[in-house]
Every structure is written in structure tokens, then in C-alpha cells.
Amino acid sequence: MTAPLDFPAESDPSTYHSPSTANLADILERILDKGIVIAGDIKIDLLDIELLTIRLRLFISSVETAKKAGIDWWETDPALSSRAAENALARENKELRAQLAELEAHDERPSGRARSKDTA
């Protein structure tokens, strides 16, 4: 059984301010539009000997704001972008073809040990 809320006579419940969702939405929109940086360092020393240092930098923003700030690593990371994965595969294929052409050119040079495709 729930009891009704009993407010003291001098306090009026209509004067209480509850957090407004419009304010929270405004704050979130502003953070995504402008971006926010949270930075911190964690350092562990033992007898004046530095054992571990972790530097944390967190940038929270929308994608458009991040691109304006010059942050677009997700577009070039093959694990996150299919276009980047295709580019990485094409680049690796090009490098392998260049190495193969170089090896074939080396193999066809006129030397005593060189083998041609016809005699092999």
C-alpha cells in the first residue's frame, strides 16, 4: 500500500523544479554541435620510479563536428570502413603486382644463372 505524499504546509509542490527534458536535449545538442573534450592522466609511481602513465583524451561530438576538427580516422580504418578495406586491398594488390613484375624482370636478366620461362 502506498501512502500519498505529504508535503509540509510551507512548501508548495508546484515550486519544485524537476529536470526538464528540453534542457537535457538542448545540452546534448550543444555538446554534439560544439564538441567536448575530456582529458586526464593516470600515473602510477613506485618510489619515484614511473611504472605506468596512461593519458586519456576523449572527444565527444557529432560526426560533422569531428570532421570539421580534422578527425576522420574511421573513414581510413579498414576495420570500420568497407571503402577503406577495399582501398587497402587494392593497394596491397598493386604492391604485390609491382613486386612480381620486379621479380620477373630480375629473373629475365641475361646472366649465367638466370632462367627464362621457356627453358624452365
Foldseek 3Di string as FASTA:
>chain_A
DDDDDDDDPVDDVVPDDDDDVVVVVVVVQVCQDQKDKDWDKDWDDDPNHTDDIDTDIDIDYHPVNCVVVVDDVLCCDVVRHVVNVVVVVVVVVVVVVVVVVVVLVVLPDDDPPRDHPVVD
